[in-house]
């Protein structure tokens, strides 16, 4: 299965970076699912929403405190005001 490069960053730190198969994020316009080779776009993340990153090694779930999602041909960047891994 193809993968893409994904980074989850906050102003304080790079929270996570690696290869993923799929990203699901809640934006102010609704849920956004991103597969490898998705069309480029920029979205506003909903404050307090979850971002799911599906990796070959398992799923990661982050709660974000607003920010942006940037999708390019190279991958996905989650630029969050805050990001915390959910247990």
PDB file of N, CA and C in Angstrom:
ATOM      1  N   UNK A   1       0.847  -1.174   0.000  1.00  0.00           N
ATOM      2  CA  UNK A   1       0.000   0.000   0.000  1.00  0.00           C
ATOM      3  C   UNK A   1       0.897   1.242   0.000  1.00  0.00           C
ATOM      4  N   UNK A   2       0.588   2.240  -0.838  1.00  0.00           N
ATOM      5  CA  UNK A   2       1.418   3.444  -0.881  1.00  0.00           C
ATOM      6  C   UNK A   2       1.329   4.242   0.423  1.00  0.00           C
ATOM      7  N   UNK A   3       2.399   4.953   0.721  1.00  0.00           N
ATOM      8  CA  UNK A   3       2.430   5.805   1.908  1.00  0.00           C
ATOM      9  C   UNK A   3       2.791   7.224   1.507  1.00  0.00           C
ATOM     10  N   UNK A   4       2.637   8.125   2.463  1.00  0.00           N
ATOM     11  CA  UNK A   4       3.000   9.527   2.268  1.00  0.00           C
ATOM     12  C   UNK A   4       3.693  10.011   3.536  1.00  0.00           C
ATOM     13  N   UNK A   5       4.452  11.070   3.418  1.00  0.00           N
ATOM     14  CA  UNK A   5       5.145  11.659   4.558  1.00  0.00           C
ATOM     15  C   UNK A   5       4.156  12.546   5.308  1.00  0.00           C
ATOM     16  N   UNK A   6       4.072  12.373   6.626  1.00  0.00           N
ATOM     17  CA  UNK A   6       3.159  13.164   7.457  1.00  0.00           C
ATOM     18  C   UNK A   6       3.941  13.746   8.625  1.00  0.00           C
ATOM     19  N   UNK A   7       3.675  15.012   8.924  1.00  0.00           N
ATOM     20  CA  UNK A   7       4.278  15.671  10.084  1.00  0.00           C
ATOM     21  C   UNK A   7       3.178  16.338  10.894  1.00  0.00           C
ATOM     22  N   UNK A   8       3.235  16.148  12.208  1.00  0.00           N
ATOM     23  CA  UNK A   8       2.335  16.827  13.143  1.00  0.00           C
ATOM     24  C   UNK A   8       3.221  17.733  13.985  1.00  0.00           C
ATOM     25  N   UNK A   9       3.022  19.048  13.848  1.00  0.00           N
ATOM     26  CA  UNK A   9       3.885  19.995  14.555  1.00  0.00           C
ATOM     27  C   UNK A   9       3.057  21.037  15.292  1.00  0.00           C
ATOM     28  N   UNK A  10       3.621  21.517  16.393  1.00  0.00           N
ATOM     29  CA  UNK A  10       3.047  22.629  17.150  1.00  0.00           C
ATOM     30  C   UNK A  10       4.138  23.689  17.258  1.00  0.00           C
ATOM     31  N   UNK A  11       3.825  24.881  17.749  1.00  0.00           N
ATOM     32  CA  UNK A  11       4.866  25.899  17.884  1.00  0.00           C
ATOM     33  C   UNK A  11       6.023  25.463  18.791  1.00  0.00           C
ATOM     34  N   UNK A  12       5.748  24.572  19.733  1.00  0.00           N
ATOM     35  CA  UNK A  12       6.769  24.150  20.686  1.00  0.00           C
ATOM     36  C   UNK A  12       7.649  23.014  20.188  1.00  0.00           C
ATOM     37  N   UNK A  13       7.085  22.126  19.340  1.00  0.00           N
ATOM     38  CA  UNK A  13       7.842  20.924  18.980  1.00  0.00           C
ATOM     39  C   UNK A  13       7.276  20.234  17.745  1.00  0.00           C
ATOM     40  N   UNK A  14       8.111  19.354  17.175  1.00  0.00           N
ATOM     41  CA  UNK A  14       7.627  18.427  16.159  1.00  0.00           C
ATOM     42  C   UNK A  14       7.062  17.241  16.933  1.00  0.00           C
ATOM     43  N   UNK A  15       5.749  17.082  16.918  1.00  0.00           N
ATOM     44  CA  UNK A  15       5.072  16.070  17.719  1.00  0.00           C
ATOM     45  C   UNK A  15       5.313  14.672  17.147  1.00  0.00           C
ATOM     46  N   UNK A  16       5.202  14.535  15.828  1.00  0.00           N
ATOM     47  CA  UNK A  16       5.426  13.249  15.174  1.00  0.00           C
ATOM     48  C   UNK A  16       5.699  13.483  13.700  1.00  0.00           C
ATOM     49  N   UNK A  17       6.563  12.636  13.128  1.00  0.00           N
ATOM     50  CA  UNK A  17       6.812  12.661  11.690  1.00  0.00           C
ATOM     51  C   UNK A  17       7.114  11.241  11.237  1.00  0.00           C
ATOM     52  N   UNK A  18       6.526  10.849  10.121  1.00  0.00           N
ATOM     53  CA  UNK A  18       6.771   9.510   9.601  1.00  0.00           C
ATOM     54  C   UNK A  18       5.904   9.222   8.391  1.00  0.00           C
ATOM     55  N   UNK A  19       5.879   7.951   8.020  1.00  0.00           N
ATOM     56  CA  UNK A  19       5.102   7.502   6.875  1.00  0.00           C
ATOM     57  C   UNK A  19       3.705   7.076   7.324  1.00  0.00           C
ATOM     58  N   UNK A  20       2.705   7.422   6.524  1.00  0.00           N
ATOM     59  CA  UNK A  20       1.320   7.070   6.843  1.00  0.00           C
ATOM     60  C   UNK A  20       0.590   6.642   5.573  1.00  0.00           C
ATOM     61  N   UNK A  21      -0.437   5.830   5.782  1.00  0.00           N
ATOM     62  CA  UNK A  21      -1.285   5.379   4.677  1.00  0.00           C
ATOM     63  C   UNK A  21      -2.486   6.293   4.465  1.00  0.00           C
ATOM     64  N   UNK A  22      -2.915   6.979   5.544  1.00  0.00           N
ATOM     65  CA  UNK A  22      -4.152   7.753   5.494  1.00  0.00           C
ATOM     66  C   UNK A  22      -4.168   8.734   6.656  1.00  0.00           C
ATOM     67  N   UNK A  23      -4.771   9.901   6.438  1.00  0.00           N
ATOM     68  CA  UNK A  23      -4.971  10.898   7.495  1.00  0.00           C
ATOM     69  C   UNK A  23      -6.430  11.324   7.462  1.00  0.00           C
ATOM     70  N   UNK A  24      -7.052  11.387   8.635  1.00  0.00           N
ATOM     71  CA  UNK A  24      -8.423  11.878   8.767  1.00  0.00           C
ATOM     72  C   UNK A  24      -8.404  13.049   9.734  1.00  0.00           C
ATOM     73  N   UNK A  25      -8.835  14.212   9.255  1.00  0.00           N
ATOM     74  CA  UNK A  25      -8.831  15.422  10.075  1.00  0.00           C
ATOM     75  C   UNK A  25     -10.184  16.107   9.984  1.00  0.00           C
ATOM     76  N   UNK A  26     -10.578  16.760  11.073  1.00  0.00           N
ATOM     77  CA  UNK A  26     -11.812  17.536  11.082  1.00  0.00           C
ATOM     78  C   UNK A  26     -11.454  19.000  10.885  1.00  0.00           C
ATOM     79  N   UNK A  27     -11.955  19.560   9.789  1.00  0.00           N
ATOM     80  CA  UNK A  27     -11.724  20.970   9.488  1.00  0.00           C
ATOM     81  C   UNK A  27     -13.004  21.757   9.770  1.00  0.00           C
ATOM     82  N   UNK A  28     -12.911  23.057   9.632  1.00  0.00           N
ATOM     83  CA  UNK A  28     -14.090  23.898   9.829  1.00  0.00           C
ATOM     84  C   UNK A  28     -15.144  23.643   8.752  1.00  0.00           C
ATOM     85  N   UNK A  29     -14.750  22.989   7.650  1.00  0.00           N
ATOM     86  CA  UNK A  29     -15.689  22.642   6.580  1.00  0.00           C
ATOM     87  C   UNK A  29     -16.179  21.202   6.666  1.00  0.00           C
ATOM     88  N   UNK A  30     -15.707  20.443   7.671  1.00  0.00           N
ATOM     89  CA  UNK A  30     -16.117  19.044   7.821  1.00  0.00           C
ATOM     90  C   UNK A  30     -14.918  18.115   7.836  1.00  0.00           C
ATOM     91  N   UNK A  31     -15.196  16.810   7.801  1.00  0.00           N
ATOM     92  CA  UNK A  31     -14.127  15.812   7.833  1.00  0.00           C
ATOM     93  C   UNK A  31     -13.405  15.751   6.492  1.00  0.00           C
ATOM     94  N   UNK A  32     -12.096  15.556   6.574  1.00  0.00           N
ATOM     95  CA  UNK A  32     -11.249  15.483   5.389  1.00  0.00           C
ATOM     96  C   UNK A  32     -10.395  14.229   5.480  1.00  0.00           C
ATOM     97  N   UNK A  33     -10.527  13.348   4.506  1.00  0.00           N
ATOM     98  CA  UNK A  33      -9.702  12.149   4.423  1.00  0.00           C
ATOM     99  C   UNK A  33      -8.656  12.329   3.345  1.00  0.00           C
ATOM    100  N   UNK A  34      -7.400  11.999   3.672  1.00  0.00           N
ATOM    101  CA  UNK A  34      -6.297  12.208   2.733  1.00  0.00           C
ATOM    102  C   UNK A  34      -5.559  10.888   2.514  1.00  0.00           C
ATOM    103  N   UNK A  35      -5.511  10.448   1.263  1.00  0.00           N
ATOM    104  CA  UNK A  35      -4.743   9.277   0.843  1.00  0.00           C
ATOM    105  C   UNK A  35      -3.481   9.761   0.140  1.00  0.00           C
ATOM    106  N   UNK A  36      -2.478   8.914  -0.036  1.00  0.00           N
ATOM    107  CA  UNK A  36      -1.307   9.316  -0.825  1.00  0.00           C
ATOM    108  C   UNK A  36      -1.726   9.807  -2.211  1.00  0.00           C
ATOM    109  N   UNK A  37      -1.011  10.810  -2.696  1.00  0.00           N
ATOM    110  CA  UNK A  37      -1.245  11.442  -4.002  1.00  0.00           C
ATOM    111  C   UNK A  37      -2.561  12.219  -4.057  1.00  0.00           C
ATOM    112  N   UNK A  38      -3.029  12.696  -2.907  1.00  0.00           N
ATOM    113  CA  UNK A  38      -4.242  13.521  -2.837  1.00  0.00           C
ATOM    114  C   UNK A  38      -3.968  14.866  -3.508  1.00  0.00           C
ATOM    115  N   UNK A  39      -4.993  15.490  -3.994  1.00  0.00           N
ATOM    116  CA  UNK A  39      -4.865  16.817  -4.586  1.00  0.00           C
ATOM    117  C   UNK A  39      -4.405  17.802  -3.503  1.00  0.00           C
ATOM    118  N   UNK A  40      -3.500  18.736  -3.835  1.00  0.00           N
ATOM    119  CA  UNK A  40      -3.037  19.712  -2.840  1.00  0.00           C
ATOM    120  C   UNK A  40      -4.179  20.604  -2.352  1.00  0.00           C
ATOM    121  N   UNK A  41      -4.134  20.931  -1.060  1.00  0.00           N
ATOM    122  CA  UNK A  41      -5.128  21.834  -0.476  1.00  0.00           C
ATOM    123  C   UNK A  41      -4.638  22.349   0.864  1.00  0.00           C
ATOM    124  N   UNK A  42      -5.320  23.350   1.365  1.00  0.00           N
ATOM    125  CA  UNK A  42      -5.052  23.917   2.685  1.00  0.00           C
ATOM    126  C   UNK A  42      -6.388  24.027   3.399  1.00  0.00           C
ATOM    127  N   UNK A  43      -6.456  23.533   4.651  1.00  0.00           N
ATOM    128  CA  UNK A  43      -7.688  23.582   5.425  1.00  0.00           C
ATOM    129  C   UNK A  43      -7.436  24.099   6.823  1.00  0.00           C
ATOM    130  N   UNK A  44      -8.490  24.602   7.453  1.00  0.00           N
ATOM    131  CA  UNK A  44      -8.424  25.093   8.830  1.00  0.00           C
ATOM    132  C   UNK A  44      -8.937  23.987   9.741  1.00  0.00           C
ATOM    133  N   UNK A  45      -8.100  23.574  10.707  1.00  0.00           N
ATOM    134  CA  UNK A  45      -8.490  22.522  11.638  1.00  0.00           C
ATOM    135  C   UNK A  45      -9.472  23.057  12.667  1.00  0.00           C
ATOM    136  N   UNK A  46     -10.469  22.263  12.977  1.00  0.00           N
ATOM    137  CA  UNK A  46     -11.447  22.631  13.995  1.00  0.00           C
ATOM    138  C   UNK A  46     -10.797  22.524  15.371  1.00  0.00           C
ATOM    139  N   UNK A  47     -10.986  23.531  16.200  1.00  0.00           N
ATOM    140  CA  UNK A  47     -10.402  23.564  17.543  1.00  0.00           C
ATOM    141  C   UNK A  47     -10.972  22.435  18.394  1.00  0.00           C
ATOM    142  N   UNK A  48     -10.095  21.659  19.026  1.00  0.00           N
ATOM    143  CA  UNK A  48     -10.514  20.563  19.886  1.00  0.00           C
ATOM    144  C   UNK A  48     -10.847  19.273  19.164  1.00  0.00           C
ATOM    145  N   UNK A  49     -10.642  19.240  17.855  1.00  0.00           N
ATOM    146  CA  UNK A  49     -10.976  18.048  17.067  1.00  0.00           C
ATOM    147  C   UNK A  49      -9.833  17.037  17.095  1.00  0.00           C
ATOM    148  N   UNK A  50     -10.137  15.833  16.647  1.00  0.00           N
ATOM    149  CA  UNK A  50      -9.138  14.772  16.562  1.00  0.00           C
ATOM    150  C   UNK A  50      -8.588  14.668  15.146  1.00  0.00           C
ATOM    151  N   UNK A  51      -7.318  14.287  15.062  1.00  0.00           N
ATOM    152  CA  UNK A  51      -6.669  13.961  13.796  1.00  0.00           C
ATOM    153  C   UNK A  51      -6.173  12.527  13.913  1.00  0.00           C
ATOM    154  N   UNK A  52      -6.602  11.685  12.987  1.00  0.00           N
ATOM    155  CA  UNK A  52      -6.191  10.277  12.983  1.00  0.00           C
ATOM    156  C   UNK A  52      -5.150  10.074  11.886  1.00  0.00           C
ATOM    157  N   UNK A  53      -4.034   9.463  12.264  1.00  0.00           N
ATOM    158  CA  UNK A  53      -2.966   9.152  11.319  1.00  0.00           C
ATOM    159  C   UNK A  53      -2.825   7.632  11.293  1.00  0.00           C
ATOM    160  N   UNK A  54      -3.128   7.029  10.151  1.00  0.00           N
ATOM    161  CA  UNK A  54      -3.006   5.578  10.007  1.00  0.00           C
ATOM    162  C   UNK A  54      -1.633   5.264   9.426  1.00  0.00           C
ATOM    163  N   UNK A  55      -0.795   4.577  10.218  1.00  0.00           N
ATOM    164  CA  UNK A  55       0.553   4.223   9.797  1.00  0.00           C
ATOM    165  C   UNK A  55       0.642   2.716   9.572  1.00  0.00           C
ATOM    166  N   UNK A  56       1.673   2.252   8.874  1.00  0.00           N
ATOM    167  CA  UNK A  56       1.850   0.804   8.723  1.00  0.00           C
ATOM    168  C   UNK A  56       1.982   0.088  10.069  1.00  0.00           C
ATOM    169  N   UNK A  57       2.430   0.789  11.111  1.00  0.00           N
ATOM    170  CA  UNK A  57       2.603   0.186  12.425  1.00  0.00           C
ATOM    171  C   UNK A  57       1.417   0.331  13.357  1.00  0.00           C
ATOM    172  N   UNK A  58       0.374   1.030  12.933  1.00  0.00           N
ATOM    173  CA  UNK A  58      -0.797   1.241  13.783  1.00  0.00           C
ATOM    174  C   UNK A  58      -1.297   2.668  13.689  1.00  0.00           C
ATOM    175  N   UNK A  59      -2.434   2.918  14.301  1.00  0.00           N
ATOM    176  CA  UNK A  59      -3.069   4.232  14.234  1.00  0.00           C
ATOM    177  C   UNK A  59      -2.621   5.127  15.379  1.00  0.00           C
ATOM    178  N   UNK A  60      -2.495   6.425  15.069  1.00  0.00           N
ATOM    179  CA  UNK A  60      -2.198   7.457  16.063  1.00  0.00           C
ATOM    180  C   UNK A  60      -3.365   8.432  16.067  1.00  0.00           C
ATOM    181  N   UNK A  61      -3.786   8.869  17.239  1.00  0.00           N
ATOM    182  CA  UNK A  61      -4.900   9.800  17.361  1.00  0.00           C
ATOM    183  C   UNK A  61      -4.451  10.996  18.188  1.00  0.00           C
ATOM    184  N   UNK A  62      -4.538  12.182  17.594  1.00  0.00           N
ATOM    185  CA  UNK A  62      -4.137  13.417  18.250  1.00  0.00           C
ATOM    186  C   UNK A  62      -5.340  14.333  18.415  1.00  0.00           C
ATOM    187  N   UNK A  63      -5.402  15.029  19.536  1.00  0.00           N
ATOM    188  CA  UNK A  63      -6.358  16.114  19.714  1.00  0.00           C
ATOM    189  C   UNK A  63      -5.607  17.404  19.433  1.00  0.00           C
ATOM    190  N   UNK A  64      -6.166  18.229  18.541  1.00  0.00           N
ATOM    191  CA  UNK A  64      -5.490  19.462  18.149  1.00  0.00           C
ATOM    192  C   UNK A  64      -6.277  20.676  18.624  1.00  0.00           C
ATOM    193  N   UNK A  65      -5.547  21.702  18.962  1.00  0.00           N
ATOM    194  CA  UNK A  65      -6.149  22.957  19.385  1.00  0.00           C
ATOM    195  C   UNK A  65      -6.135  23.962  18.259  1.00  0.00           C
ATOM    196  N   UNK A  66      -6.813  23.650  17.173  1.00  0.00           N
ATOM    197  CA  UNK A  66      -6.853  24.546  16.025  1.00  0.00           C
ATOM    198  C   UNK A  66      -5.577  24.456  15.212  1.00  0.00           C
ATOM    199  N   UNK A  67      -5.540  25.207  14.122  1.00  0.00           N
ATOM    200  CA  UNK A  67      -4.371  25.219  13.248  1.00  0.00           C
ATOM    201  C   UNK A  67      -4.773  24.944  11.814  1.00  0.00           C
ATOM    202  N   UNK A  68      -3.832  24.375  11.060  1.00  0.00           N
ATOM    203  CA  UNK A  68      -4.033  24.158   9.629  1.00  0.00           C
ATOM    204  C   UNK A  68      -3.586  22.761   9.221  1.00  0.00           C
ATOM    205  N   UNK A  69      -4.168  22.263   8.132  1.00  0.00           N
ATOM    206  CA  UNK A  69      -3.682  21.059   7.474  1.00  0.00           C
ATOM    207  C   UNK A  69      -3.262  21.469   6.071  1.00  0.00           C
ATOM    208  N   UNK A  70      -2.044  21.111   5.714  1.00  0.00           N
ATOM    209  CA  UNK A  70      -1.502  21.408   4.393  1.00  0.00           C
ATOM    210  C   UNK A  70      -1.227  20.089   3.684  1.00  0.00           C
ATOM    211  N   UNK A  71      -1.845  19.924   2.520  1.00  0.00           N
ATOM    212  CA  UNK A  71      -1.655  18.719   1.722  1.00  0.00           C
ATOM    213  C   UNK A  71      -0.932  19.121   0.442  1.00  0.00           C
ATOM    214  N   UNK A  72       0.219  18.491   0.197  1.00  0.00           N
ATOM    215  CA  UNK A  72       0.982  18.725  -1.026  1.00  0.00           C
ATOM    216  C   UNK A  72       1.228  17.382  -1.701  1.00  0.00           C
ATOM    217  N   UNK A  73       1.868  17.425  -2.858  1.00  0.00           N
ATOM    218  CA  UNK A  73       2.217  16.171  -3.537  1.00  0.00           C
ATOM    219  C   UNK A  73       3.224  15.368  -2.716  1.00  0.00           C
ATOM    220  N   UNK A  74       3.949  16.037  -1.821  1.00  0.00           N
ATOM    221  CA  UNK A  74       4.964  15.369  -0.998  1.00  0.00           C
ATOM    222  C   UNK A  74       4.396  14.749   0.268  1.00  0.00           C
ATOM    223  N   UNK A  75       3.214  15.191   0.722  1.00  0.00           N
ATOM    224  CA  UNK A  75       2.645  14.638   1.949  1.00  0.00           C
ATOM    225  C   UNK A  75       1.715  15.605   2.653  1.00  0.00           C
ATOM    226  N   UNK A  76       1.583  15.407   3.977  1.00  0.00           N
ATOM    227  CA  UNK A  76       0.635  16.169   4.791  1.00  0.00           C
ATOM    228  C   UNK A  76       1.369  16.785   5.971  1.00  0.00           C
ATOM    229  N   UNK A  77       1.078  18.055   6.234  1.00  0.00           N
ATOM    230  CA  UNK A  77       1.573  18.728   7.434  1.00  0.00           C
ATOM    231  C   UNK A  77       0.381  19.175   8.259  1.00  0.00           C
ATOM    232  N   UNK A  78       0.374  18.772   9.527  1.00  0.00           N
ATOM    233  CA  UNK A  78      -0.621  19.232  10.488  1.00  0.00           C
ATOM    234  C   UNK A  78       0.075  20.300  11.315  1.00  0.00           C
ATOM    235  N   UNK A  79      -0.300  21.551  11.115  1.00  0.00           N
ATOM    236  CA  UNK A  79       0.308  22.685  11.802  1.00  0.00           C
ATOM    237  C   UNK A  79      -0.675  23.139  12.867  1.00  0.00           C
ATOM    238  N   UNK A  80      -0.534  22.597  14.072  1.00  0.00           N
ATOM    239  CA  UNK A  80      -1.523  22.800  15.128  1.00  0.00           C
ATOM    240  C   UNK A  80      -1.025  23.785  16.176  1.00  0.00           C
ATOM    241  N   UNK A  81      -1.955  24.572  16.722  1.00  0.00           N
ATOM    242  CA  UNK A  81      -1.604  25.453  17.837  1.00  0.00           C
ATOM    243  C   UNK A  81      -1.178  24.625  19.039  1.00  0.00           C
ATOM    244  N   UNK A  82      -1.811  23.458  19.214  1.00  0.00           N
ATOM    245  CA  UNK A  82      -1.398  22.470  20.214  1.00  0.00           C
ATOM    246  C   UNK A  82      -1.814  21.102  19.694  1.00  0.00           C
ATOM    247  N   UNK A  83      -1.062  20.071  20.080  1.00  0.00           N
ATOM    248  CA  UNK A  83      -1.377  18.704  19.657  1.00  0.00           C
ATOM    249  C   UNK A  83      -0.970  17.748  20.763  1.00  0.00           C
ATOM    250  N   UNK A  84      -1.909  16.891  21.159  1.00  0.00           N
ATOM    251  CA  UNK A  84      -1.642  15.921  22.223  1.00  0.00           C
ATOM    252  C   UNK A  84      -2.083  14.539  21.761  1.00  0.00           C
ATOM    253  N   UNK A  85      -1.226  13.554  21.968  1.00  0.00           N
ATOM    254  CA  UNK A  85      -1.554  12.175  21.631  1.00  0.00           C
ATOM    255  C   UNK A  85      -2.602  11.661  22.605  1.00  0.00           C
ATOM    256  N   UNK A  86      -3.692  11.105  22.067  1.00  0.00           N
ATOM    257  CA  UNK A  86      -4.735  10.525  22.923  1.00  0.00           C
ATOM    258  C   UNK A  86      -4.323   9.111  23.312  1.00  0.00           C
ATOM    259  N   UNK A  87      -4.583   8.755  24.552  1.00  0.00           N
ATOM    260  CA  UNK A  87      -4.202   7.414  25.041  1.00  0.00           C
ATOM    261  C   UNK A  87      -5.138   6.354  24.518  1.00  0.00           C
TER     262      UNK A  87
END
